[in-house]
Amino acid sequence: MSSPGSDWSSQSGPETSPPRSGGFSRRGIWIAVGAGCAILVLAAIVVAVGIFKLLESSEADPEGLELVVEAPLEVNRGTSFDLVIRVSNTGDARLRLGDLDVSDSYLDGFLVESVSPYPRSRSHDPINGATTLTFGRTLAHGESDTFQIRLRAEQVGDHEGDVDQWVGLQCLTQTAHTIVR
């Protein structure tokens, strides 16, 4: 019989397993895996709280923003009219206006003839079902801006939809409603 430690294949038991050189024990690996999982769970919680806070802040109306939407209640088919959108800063801080969205459910009954002032960009967002106008305006305390969208009534029916003025991740919404006869 050989002396302990000289022939590992003939001995058994946990105390007789071959020595590891430069590796990790199984216990060490499980500790590392557990710590990694704990870090991932903690990171997921931090991300979830951040998303919740972002969504919570985006649900509130932008402080100091006032939005007024004016449109005739009834028009005849073929008639042109102005959809007037007035944005005012009633707060103390400057407001950088973001996108102005006009819902497709309203615009689908009309042809856009012009927009004044002319926007920096105009695009259609099929996911949200809206036409997006970007003017790039900043309003100081007490300032207002008026946007006019000249429309021609094309489709008979009851047309109603949201007008959203964005400031950062928050928006203020009013409804436009016009019946075309």
N, C-alpha and C. Protein backbone atom coordinates (compact mmCIF):
# COMPACT_ATOMS: atom_id res chain seq x y z
N MET A 1 0.84 -1.17 0.00
CA MET A 1 0.00 0.00 0.00
C MET A 1 0.88 1.23 0.00
N SER A 2 0.47 2.22 -0.74
CA SER A 2 1.28 3.42 -0.86
C SER A 2 0.95 4.39 0.25
N SER A 3 1.84 5.31 0.44
CA SER A 3 1.64 6.29 1.51
C SER A 3 0.59 7.31 1.09
N PRO A 4 -0.10 7.92 2.07
CA PRO A 4 -1.13 8.91 1.73
C PRO A 4 -0.53 10.03 0.91
N GLY A 5 -1.28 10.37 -0.10
CA GLY A 5 -0.87 11.47 -0.96
C GLY A 5 -0.07 11.02 -2.15
N SER A 6 0.36 9.75 -2.20
CA SER A 6 1.19 9.34 -3.32
C SER A 6 0.37 8.75 -4.45
N ASP A 7 -0.76 8.11 -4.16
CA ASP A 7 -1.57 7.52 -5.22
C ASP A 7 -3.03 7.90 -4.99
N TRP A 8 -3.48 8.92 -5.68
CA TRP A 8 -4.82 9.45 -5.48
C TRP A 8 -5.89 8.53 -6.02
N SER A 9 -5.61 7.72 -6.97
CA SER A 9 -6.63 6.87 -7.57
C SER A 9 -7.07 5.75 -6.65
N SER A 10 -6.28 5.38 -5.70
CA SER A 10 -6.65 4.26 -4.85
C SER A 10 -7.36 4.71 -3.59
N GLN A 11 -7.51 5.99 -3.38
CA GLN A 11 -8.14 6.47 -2.15
C GLN A 11 -9.46 7.14 -2.50
N SER A 12 -10.38 7.20 -1.58
CA SER A 12 -11.68 7.82 -1.80
C SER A 12 -12.02 8.73 -0.64
N GLY A 13 -13.10 9.48 -0.84
CA GLY A 13 -13.54 10.38 0.21
C GLY A 13 -13.18 11.81 -0.09
N PRO A 14 -13.91 12.77 0.54
CA PRO A 14 -13.69 14.17 0.24
C PRO A 14 -12.30 14.65 0.64
N GLU A 15 -11.75 14.06 1.71
CA GLU A 15 -10.44 14.51 2.12
C GLU A 15 -9.32 13.98 1.24
N THR A 16 -9.67 13.07 0.34
CA THR A 16 -8.64 12.49 -0.50
C THR A 16 -8.74 12.92 -1.95
N SER A 17 -9.56 13.92 -2.28
CA SER A 17 -9.66 14.36 -3.67
C SER A 17 -8.37 15.06 -4.06
N PRO A 18 -8.03 15.02 -5.34
CA PRO A 18 -6.76 15.61 -5.77
C PRO A 18 -6.75 17.11 -5.53
N PRO A 19 -5.62 17.66 -5.22
CA PRO A 19 -5.54 19.10 -4.99
C PRO A 19 -5.76 19.86 -6.30
N ARG A 20 -6.35 21.04 -6.19
CA ARG A 20 -6.61 21.88 -7.37
C ARG A 20 -5.52 22.94 -7.42
N SER A 21 -5.08 23.18 -8.59
CA SER A 21 -4.07 24.23 -8.72
C SER A 21 -4.64 25.34 -9.59
N GLY A 22 -4.82 26.53 -9.05
CA GLY A 22 -5.27 27.69 -9.80
C GLY A 22 -6.76 27.67 -10.11
N GLY A 23 -7.55 26.74 -9.61
CA GLY A 23 -8.98 26.66 -9.90
C GLY A 23 -9.81 27.10 -8.71
N PHE A 24 -11.12 26.99 -8.88
CA PHE A 24 -12.04 27.35 -7.82
C PHE A 24 -12.67 26.09 -7.28
N SER A 25 -12.98 26.10 -6.03
CA SER A 25 -13.72 24.97 -5.47
C SER A 25 -15.18 25.13 -5.87
N ARG A 26 -15.92 24.05 -5.74
CA ARG A 26 -17.35 24.12 -6.09
C ARG A 26 -18.06 25.11 -5.19
N ARG A 27 -17.69 25.13 -3.95
CA ARG A 27 -18.31 26.07 -3.00
C ARG A 27 -18.03 27.51 -3.44
N GLY A 28 -16.82 27.79 -3.85
CA GLY A 28 -16.45 29.13 -4.31
C GLY A 28 -17.23 29.54 -5.55
N ILE A 29 -17.43 28.60 -6.46
CA ILE A 29 -18.19 28.88 -7.68
C ILE A 29 -19.64 29.22 -7.32
N TRP A 30 -20.25 28.45 -6.40
CA TRP A 30 -21.64 28.72 -6.01
C TRP A 30 -21.76 30.06 -5.29
N ILE A 31 -20.77 30.43 -4.52
CA ILE A 31 -20.80 31.75 -3.87
C ILE A 31 -20.75 32.85 -4.92
N ALA A 32 -19.89 32.69 -5.92
CA ALA A 32 -19.77 33.69 -6.99
C ALA A 32 -21.06 33.77 -7.79
N VAL A 33 -21.68 32.63 -8.11
CA VAL A 33 -22.94 32.62 -8.85
C VAL A 33 -24.02 33.31 -8.04
N GLY A 34 -24.10 33.00 -6.74
CA GLY A 34 -25.09 33.64 -5.88
C GLY A 34 -24.91 35.14 -5.81
N ALA A 35 -23.66 35.59 -5.69
CA ALA A 35 -23.39 37.02 -5.64
C ALA A 35 -23.76 37.69 -6.96
N GLY A 36 -23.45 37.03 -8.07
CA GLY A 36 -23.81 37.57 -9.39
C GLY A 36 -25.31 37.70 -9.55
N CYS A 37 -26.07 36.68 -9.09
CA CYS A 37 -27.53 36.74 -9.17
C CYS A 37 -28.08 37.87 -8.31
N ALA A 38 -27.51 38.04 -7.12
CA ALA A 38 -27.94 39.12 -6.24
C ALA A 38 -27.71 40.48 -6.89
N ILE A 39 -26.57 40.64 -7.55
CA ILE A 39 -26.27 41.90 -8.24
C ILE A 39 -27.26 42.14 -9.38
N LEU A 40 -27.58 41.08 -10.15
CA LEU A 40 -28.55 41.22 -11.24
C LEU A 40 -29.93 41.59 -10.71
N VAL A 41 -30.37 40.98 -9.61
CA VAL A 41 -31.67 41.31 -9.03
C VAL A 41 -31.67 42.76 -8.56
N LEU A 42 -30.61 43.19 -7.90
CA LEU A 42 -30.51 44.57 -7.45
C LEU A 42 -30.54 45.54 -8.63
N ALA A 43 -29.83 45.23 -9.70
CA ALA A 43 -29.83 46.08 -10.90
C ALA A 43 -31.23 46.15 -11.51
N ALA A 44 -31.93 45.02 -11.55
CA ALA A 44 -33.29 44.99 -12.10
C ALA A 44 -34.23 45.85 -11.26
N ILE A 45 -34.06 45.83 -9.96
CA ILE A 45 -34.90 46.67 -9.09
C ILE A 45 -34.62 48.14 -9.34
N VAL A 46 -33.35 48.50 -9.46
CA VAL A 46 -32.98 49.90 -9.72
C VAL A 46 -33.57 50.36 -11.05
N VAL A 47 -33.48 49.54 -12.09
CA VAL A 47 -34.04 49.89 -13.40
C VAL A 47 -35.56 50.02 -13.31
N ALA A 48 -36.22 49.09 -12.62
CA ALA A 48 -37.68 49.14 -12.49
C ALA A 48 -38.13 50.41 -11.76
N VAL A 49 -37.44 50.77 -10.70
CA VAL A 49 -37.78 52.00 -9.97
C VAL A 49 -37.56 53.22 -10.86
N GLY A 50 -36.48 53.23 -11.62
CA GLY A 50 -36.22 54.35 -12.54
C GLY A 50 -37.30 54.49 -13.59
N ILE A 51 -37.72 53.38 -14.17
CA ILE A 51 -38.79 53.41 -15.18
C ILE A 51 -40.09 53.89 -14.55
N PHE A 52 -40.40 53.40 -13.34
CA PHE A 52 -41.61 53.84 -12.66
C PHE A 52 -41.59 55.34 -12.43
N LYS A 53 -40.47 55.88 -11.96
CA LYS A 53 -40.35 57.32 -11.72
C LYS A 53 -40.50 58.11 -13.01
N LEU A 54 -39.92 57.60 -14.10
CA LEU A 54 -40.02 58.26 -15.39
C LEU A 54 -41.46 58.30 -15.86
N LEU A 55 -42.16 57.16 -15.75
CA LEU A 55 -43.57 57.12 -16.16
C LEU A 55 -44.44 57.97 -15.26
N GLU A 56 -44.14 57.98 -13.98
CA GLU A 56 -44.90 58.78 -13.04
C GLU A 56 -44.76 60.27 -13.37
N SER A 57 -43.53 60.71 -13.68
CA SER A 57 -43.33 62.12 -14.00
C SER A 57 -43.93 62.49 -15.35
N SER A 58 -44.03 61.52 -16.27
CA SER A 58 -44.58 61.83 -17.59
C SER A 58 -46.10 61.91 -17.56
N GLU A 59 -46.73 61.41 -16.48
CA GLU A 59 -48.19 61.46 -16.39
C GLU A 59 -48.67 62.82 -15.89
N ALA A 60 -47.83 63.57 -15.22
CA ALA A 60 -48.22 64.87 -14.70
C ALA A 60 -48.20 65.90 -15.82
N ASP A 61 -49.07 66.91 -15.68
CA ASP A 61 -49.06 68.00 -16.65
C ASP A 61 -47.81 68.83 -16.44
N PRO A 62 -47.23 69.35 -17.52
CA PRO A 62 -46.07 70.22 -17.37
C PRO A 62 -46.45 71.46 -16.56
N GLU A 63 -45.67 71.75 -15.54
CA GLU A 63 -45.97 72.87 -14.67
C GLU A 63 -45.85 74.18 -15.44
N GLY A 64 -46.89 75.01 -15.35
CA GLY A 64 -46.86 76.32 -15.98
C GLY A 64 -47.29 76.35 -17.44
N LEU A 65 -47.71 75.22 -17.99
CA LEU A 65 -48.11 75.18 -19.39
C LEU A 65 -49.63 75.26 -19.49
N GLU A 66 -50.09 76.14 -20.35
CA GLU A 66 -51.53 76.25 -20.63
C GLU A 66 -51.74 76.02 -22.12
N LEU A 67 -52.71 75.20 -22.46
CA LEU A 67 -52.99 74.85 -23.85
C LEU A 67 -54.45 75.11 -24.15
N VAL A 68 -54.71 75.89 -25.19
CA VAL A 68 -56.08 76.17 -25.63
C VAL A 68 -56.18 75.77 -27.10
N VAL A 69 -57.20 74.99 -27.44
CA VAL A 69 -57.43 74.55 -28.81
C VAL A 69 -58.79 75.08 -29.25
N GLU A 70 -58.80 75.77 -30.38
CA GLU A 70 -60.04 76.35 -30.91
C GLU A 70 -60.27 75.85 -32.33
N ALA A 71 -61.49 75.35 -32.55
CA ALA A 71 -61.91 74.91 -33.88
C ALA A 71 -63.42 75.08 -33.96
N PRO A 72 -63.94 75.34 -35.14
CA PRO A 72 -65.40 75.46 -35.24
C PRO A 72 -66.06 74.12 -34.94
N LEU A 73 -67.22 74.18 -34.31
CA LEU A 73 -67.93 72.94 -34.00
C LEU A 73 -68.50 72.31 -35.27
N GLU A 74 -68.97 73.15 -36.22
CA GLU A 74 -69.53 72.63 -37.47
C GLU A 74 -69.02 73.42 -38.67
N VAL A 75 -68.75 72.70 -39.77
CA VAL A 75 -68.39 73.33 -41.04
C VAL A 75 -69.03 72.51 -42.16
N ASN A 76 -69.15 73.14 -43.31
CA ASN A 76 -69.64 72.43 -44.49
C ASN A 76 -68.47 71.81 -45.24
N ARG A 77 -68.74 70.70 -45.89
CA ARG A 77 -67.71 70.03 -46.69
C ARG A 77 -67.18 71.01 -47.73
N GLY A 78 -65.86 71.07 -47.91
CA GLY A 78 -65.23 71.98 -48.86
C GLY A 78 -64.82 73.30 -48.25
N THR A 79 -65.25 73.57 -47.03
CA THR A 79 -64.94 74.83 -46.35
C THR A 79 -63.56 74.77 -45.70
N SER A 80 -62.81 75.87 -45.78
CA SER A 80 -61.52 75.98 -45.10
C SER A 80 -61.70 76.74 -43.79
N PHE A 81 -60.92 76.36 -42.80
CA PHE A 81 -60.98 77.02 -41.49
C PHE A 81 -59.64 76.81 -40.78
N ASP A 82 -59.44 77.54 -39.66
CA ASP A 82 -58.21 77.42 -38.88
C ASP A 82 -58.44 76.64 -37.60
N LEU A 83 -57.57 75.66 -37.36
CA LEU A 83 -57.44 75.02 -36.07
C LEU A 83 -56.39 75.86 -35.35
N VAL A 84 -56.78 76.56 -34.28
CA VAL A 84 -55.89 77.47 -33.58
C VAL A 84 -55.46 76.82 -32.26
N ILE A 85 -54.15 76.77 -32.07
CA ILE A 85 -53.58 76.16 -30.87
C ILE A 85 -52.73 77.22 -30.18
N ARG A 86 -53.14 77.60 -28.97
CA ARG A 86 -52.43 78.64 -28.22
C ARG A 86 -51.76 77.99 -27.01
N VAL A 87 -50.46 78.23 -26.90
CA VAL A 87 -49.66 77.68 -25.81
C VAL A 87 -49.13 78.85 -24.99
N SER A 88 -49.34 78.79 -23.65
CA SER A 88 -48.90 79.88 -22.78
C SER A 88 -48.08 79.33 -21.62
N ASN A 89 -47.09 80.13 -21.20
CA ASN A 89 -46.28 79.79 -20.04
C ASN A 89 -46.77 80.63 -18.87
N THR A 90 -47.47 79.99 -17.94
CA THR A 90 -47.98 80.68 -16.75
C THR A 90 -47.09 80.42 -15.54
N GLY A 91 -46.03 79.66 -15.72
CA GLY A 91 -45.12 79.35 -14.61
C GLY A 91 -43.97 80.34 -14.53
N ASP A 92 -43.06 80.05 -13.60
CA ASP A 92 -41.91 80.94 -13.37
C ASP A 92 -40.72 80.60 -14.25
N ALA A 93 -40.59 79.33 -14.63
CA ALA A 93 -39.42 78.88 -15.40
C ALA A 93 -39.71 78.97 -16.90
N ARG A 94 -38.62 79.07 -17.67
CA ARG A 94 -38.75 79.03 -19.13
C ARG A 94 -39.20 77.62 -19.54
N LEU A 95 -40.02 77.54 -20.57
CA LEU A 95 -40.48 76.25 -21.09
C LEU A 95 -40.01 76.07 -22.52
N ARG A 96 -39.28 75.00 -22.76
CA ARG A 96 -38.87 74.65 -24.13
C ARG A 96 -39.94 73.72 -24.68
N LEU A 97 -40.68 74.21 -25.66
CA LEU A 97 -41.77 73.42 -26.23
C LEU A 97 -41.20 72.30 -27.08
N GLY A 98 -41.73 71.13 -26.88
CA GLY A 98 -41.36 69.97 -27.70
C GLY A 98 -42.33 69.83 -28.86
N ASP A 99 -42.61 68.61 -29.22
CA ASP A 99 -43.50 68.33 -30.35
C ASP A 99 -44.94 68.72 -30.05
N LEU A 100 -45.63 69.09 -31.10
CA LEU A 100 -47.07 69.32 -31.05
C LEU A 100 -47.69 68.23 -31.90
N ASP A 101 -48.48 67.36 -31.27
CA ASP A 101 -49.10 66.23 -31.97
C ASP A 101 -50.58 66.49 -32.16
N VAL A 102 -51.07 66.25 -33.38
CA VAL A 102 -52.50 66.36 -33.67
C VAL A 102 -52.95 64.98 -34.14
N SER A 103 -53.93 64.45 -33.46
CA SER A 103 -54.40 63.08 -33.68
C SER A 103 -54.97 62.86 -35.07
N ASP A 104 -54.66 61.68 -35.63
CA ASP A 104 -55.23 61.28 -36.92
C ASP A 104 -56.75 61.20 -36.86
N SER A 105 -57.30 60.82 -35.70
CA SER A 105 -58.75 60.69 -35.61
C SER A 105 -59.44 62.03 -35.87
N TYR A 106 -58.75 63.13 -35.66
CA TYR A 106 -59.27 64.44 -36.02
C TYR A 106 -58.89 64.80 -37.45
N LEU A 107 -57.62 64.70 -37.79
CA LEU A 107 -57.13 65.16 -39.10
C LEU A 107 -57.62 64.32 -40.27
N ASP A 108 -58.03 63.08 -40.05
CA ASP A 108 -58.46 62.22 -41.15
C ASP A 108 -59.61 62.81 -41.98
N GLY A 109 -60.38 63.71 -41.40
CA GLY A 109 -61.49 64.31 -42.15
C GLY A 109 -61.12 65.56 -42.92
N PHE A 110 -59.84 65.95 -42.86
CA PHE A 110 -59.44 67.24 -43.41
C PHE A 110 -58.17 67.14 -44.24
N LEU A 111 -58.00 68.15 -45.11
CA LEU A 111 -56.77 68.32 -45.86
C LEU A 111 -56.03 69.49 -45.22
N VAL A 112 -54.76 69.29 -44.86
CA VAL A 112 -53.97 70.37 -44.28
C VAL A 112 -53.51 71.27 -45.43
N GLU A 113 -53.96 72.51 -45.42
CA GLU A 113 -53.58 73.47 -46.46
C GLU A 113 -52.31 74.23 -46.09
N SER A 114 -52.15 74.57 -44.82
CA SER A 114 -50.95 75.29 -44.39
C SER A 114 -50.82 75.21 -42.87
N VAL A 115 -49.61 75.52 -42.43
CA VAL A 115 -49.32 75.60 -40.99
C VAL A 115 -48.53 76.89 -40.78
N SER A 116 -48.95 77.67 -39.76
CA SER A 116 -48.29 78.92 -39.48
C SER A 116 -48.07 79.05 -37.97
N PRO A 117 -46.86 79.38 -37.53
CA PRO A 117 -45.66 79.53 -38.33
C PRO A 117 -45.23 78.18 -38.91
N TYR A 118 -44.39 78.26 -39.91
CA TYR A 118 -43.94 77.03 -40.57
C TYR A 118 -43.09 76.22 -39.59
N PRO A 119 -43.39 74.94 -39.40
CA PRO A 119 -42.63 74.14 -38.43
C PRO A 119 -41.23 73.79 -38.92
N ARG A 120 -40.32 73.54 -37.97
CA ARG A 120 -38.98 73.06 -38.31
C ARG A 120 -39.06 71.69 -38.98
N SER A 121 -40.00 70.87 -38.46
CA SER A 121 -40.20 69.56 -39.06
C SER A 121 -41.66 69.14 -38.90
N ARG A 122 -42.05 68.27 -39.82
CA ARG A 122 -43.42 67.73 -39.80
C ARG A 122 -43.29 66.27 -40.19
N SER A 123 -43.89 65.40 -39.36
CA SER A 123 -43.83 63.97 -39.65
C SER A 123 -45.11 63.30 -39.21
N HIS A 124 -45.28 62.08 -39.66
CA HIS A 124 -46.43 61.28 -39.25
C HIS A 124 -45.95 60.14 -38.39
N ASP A 125 -46.62 59.94 -37.26
CA ASP A 125 -46.28 58.86 -36.33
C ASP A 125 -47.40 57.82 -36.40
N PRO A 126 -47.21 56.75 -37.21
CA PRO A 126 -48.29 55.77 -37.36
C PRO A 126 -48.53 54.95 -36.09
N ILE A 127 -47.53 54.83 -35.24
CA ILE A 127 -47.71 54.07 -34.00
C ILE A 127 -48.68 54.78 -33.07
N ASN A 128 -48.50 56.08 -32.91
CA ASN A 128 -49.40 56.85 -32.04
C ASN A 128 -50.57 57.46 -32.80
N GLY A 129 -50.57 57.33 -34.10
CA GLY A 129 -51.67 57.85 -34.91
C GLY A 129 -51.79 59.36 -34.82
N ALA A 130 -50.69 60.06 -35.13
CA ALA A 130 -50.71 61.51 -35.03
C ALA A 130 -49.74 62.13 -36.02
N THR A 131 -50.04 63.39 -36.39
CA THR A 131 -49.10 64.20 -37.14
C THR A 131 -48.32 65.02 -36.12
N THR A 132 -47.00 64.99 -36.22
CA THR A 132 -46.12 65.66 -35.27
C THR A 132 -45.50 66.88 -35.93
N LEU A 133 -45.67 68.02 -35.28
CA LEU A 133 -45.08 69.28 -35.73
C LEU A 133 -44.07 69.73 -34.68
N THR A 134 -42.88 70.11 -35.14
CA THR A 134 -41.85 70.60 -34.23
C THR A 134 -41.53 72.03 -34.60
N PHE A 135 -41.68 72.94 -33.62
CA PHE A 135 -41.44 74.36 -33.87
C PHE A 135 -40.16 74.86 -33.21
N GLY A 136 -39.69 74.17 -32.16
CA GLY A 136 -38.45 74.56 -31.49
C GLY A 136 -38.54 75.90 -30.79
N ARG A 137 -39.64 76.14 -30.11
CA ARG A 137 -39.84 77.43 -29.42
C ARG A 137 -39.58 77.29 -27.92
N THR A 138 -39.16 78.39 -27.32
CA THR A 138 -39.00 78.48 -25.87
C THR A 138 -39.82 79.67 -25.40
N LEU A 139 -40.62 79.45 -24.36
CA LEU A 139 -41.47 80.51 -23.83
C LEU A 139 -40.97 80.94 -22.45
N ALA A 140 -40.74 82.24 -22.28
CA ALA A 140 -40.41 82.80 -20.97
C ALA A 140 -41.72 82.96 -20.19
N HIS A 141 -41.59 83.25 -18.90
CA HIS A 141 -42.76 83.47 -18.05
C HIS A 141 -43.68 84.52 -18.69
N GLY A 142 -44.96 84.20 -18.80
CA GLY A 142 -45.94 85.14 -19.33
C GLY A 142 -46.05 85.16 -20.84
N GLU A 143 -45.16 84.48 -21.56
CA GLU A 143 -45.21 84.48 -23.03
C GLU A 143 -46.19 83.42 -23.53
N SER A 144 -46.70 83.68 -24.73
CA SER A 144 -47.60 82.75 -25.41
C SER A 144 -47.16 82.61 -26.85
N ASP A 145 -47.56 81.53 -27.46
CA ASP A 145 -47.33 81.32 -28.88
C ASP A 145 -48.59 80.72 -29.47
N THR A 146 -48.90 81.11 -30.69
CA THR A 146 -50.10 80.61 -31.36
C THR A 146 -49.70 79.92 -32.65
N PHE A 147 -50.26 78.73 -32.85
CA PHE A 147 -50.02 77.95 -34.06
C PHE A 147 -51.36 77.78 -34.77
N GLN A 148 -51.36 78.05 -36.07
CA GLN A 148 -52.59 77.92 -36.86
C GLN A 148 -52.38 76.86 -37.93
N ILE A 149 -53.30 75.92 -37.95
CA ILE A 149 -53.30 74.89 -38.98
C ILE A 149 -54.54 75.12 -39.83
N ARG A 150 -54.29 75.51 -41.08
CA ARG A 150 -55.39 75.78 -42.01
C ARG A 150 -55.85 74.45 -42.60
N LEU A 151 -57.13 74.12 -42.39
CA LEU A 151 -57.70 72.85 -42.83
C LEU A 151 -58.85 73.08 -43.78
N ARG A 152 -59.04 72.12 -44.70
CA ARG A 152 -60.22 72.12 -45.57
C ARG A 152 -60.99 70.85 -45.28
N ALA A 153 -62.29 71.02 -45.00
CA ALA A 153 -63.15 69.89 -44.67
C ALA A 153 -63.36 69.01 -45.90
N GLU A 154 -62.96 67.76 -45.82
CA GLU A 154 -63.02 66.84 -46.96
C GLU A 154 -64.01 65.70 -46.76
N GLN A 155 -64.21 65.29 -45.53
CA GLN A 155 -64.97 64.08 -45.25
C GLN A 155 -66.12 64.40 -44.29
N VAL A 156 -67.34 64.11 -44.73
CA VAL A 156 -68.51 64.32 -43.89
C VAL A 156 -68.42 63.39 -42.68
N GLY A 157 -68.74 63.94 -41.50
CA GLY A 157 -68.73 63.13 -40.28
C GLY A 157 -68.32 63.93 -39.06
N ASP A 158 -68.25 63.23 -37.96
CA ASP A 158 -67.90 63.80 -36.67
C ASP A 158 -66.43 63.49 -36.40
N HIS A 159 -65.59 64.51 -36.39
CA HIS A 159 -64.14 64.33 -36.26
C HIS A 159 -63.68 64.89 -34.92
N GLU A 160 -63.04 64.03 -34.13
CA GLU A 160 -62.58 64.42 -32.80
C GLU A 160 -61.26 63.73 -32.50
N GLY A 161 -60.35 64.46 -31.87
CA GLY A 161 -59.06 63.85 -31.52
C GLY A 161 -58.24 64.76 -30.64
N ASP A 162 -57.20 64.19 -30.08
CA ASP A 162 -56.33 64.91 -29.14
C ASP A 162 -55.34 65.81 -29.85
N VAL A 163 -55.03 66.91 -29.17
CA VAL A 163 -53.92 67.79 -29.53
C VAL A 163 -53.01 67.79 -28.31
N ASP A 164 -51.77 67.34 -28.48
CA ASP A 164 -50.82 67.20 -27.37
C ASP A 164 -49.66 68.16 -27.57
N GLN A 165 -49.36 68.97 -26.55
CA GLN A 165 -48.16 69.80 -26.55
C GLN A 165 -47.19 69.20 -25.55
N TRP A 166 -46.02 68.81 -26.05
CA TRP A 166 -45.01 68.17 -25.22
C TRP A 166 -44.01 69.18 -24.70
N VAL A 167 -43.61 68.99 -23.44
CA VAL A 167 -42.50 69.71 -22.81
C VAL A 167 -41.69 68.63 -22.11
N GLY A 168 -40.53 68.30 -22.68
CA GLY A 168 -39.75 67.18 -22.16
C GLY A 168 -40.53 65.89 -22.34
N LEU A 169 -40.68 65.14 -21.24
CA LEU A 169 -41.42 63.87 -21.29
C LEU A 169 -42.86 64.02 -20.83
N GLN A 170 -43.31 65.25 -20.66
CA GLN A 170 -44.67 65.50 -20.21
C GLN A 170 -45.45 66.18 -21.32
N CYS A 171 -46.76 65.95 -21.32
CA CYS A 171 -47.58 66.65 -22.32
C CYS A 171 -48.88 67.10 -21.70
N LEU A 172 -49.43 68.11 -22.31
CA LEU A 172 -50.75 68.62 -21.95
C LEU A 172 -51.64 68.34 -23.15
N THR A 173 -52.84 67.83 -22.90
CA THR A 173 -53.73 67.40 -23.97
C THR A 173 -55.05 68.15 -23.91
N GLN A 174 -55.50 68.59 -25.06
CA GLN A 174 -56.84 69.14 -25.24
C GLN A 174 -57.47 68.41 -26.43
N THR A 175 -58.77 68.55 -26.59
CA THR A 175 -59.47 67.85 -27.65
C THR A 175 -59.95 68.83 -28.72
N ALA A 176 -59.75 68.45 -29.98
CA ALA A 176 -60.30 69.19 -31.12
C ALA A 176 -61.53 68.41 -31.60
N HIS A 177 -62.60 69.14 -31.90
CA HIS A 177 -63.84 68.48 -32.33
C HIS A 177 -64.55 69.35 -33.38
N THR A 178 -64.76 68.78 -34.55
CA THR A 178 -65.47 69.48 -35.62
C THR A 178 -66.34 68.49 -36.38
N ILE A 179 -67.58 68.90 -36.64
CA ILE A 179 -68.51 68.09 -37.42
C ILE A 179 -68.56 68.67 -38.83
N VAL A 180 -68.36 67.81 -39.83
CA VAL A 180 -68.43 68.23 -41.23
C VAL A 180 -69.76 67.77 -41.79
N ARG A 181 -70.52 68.72 -42.36
CA ARG A 181 -71.85 68.44 -42.94
C ARG A 181 -71.78 68.43 -44.45
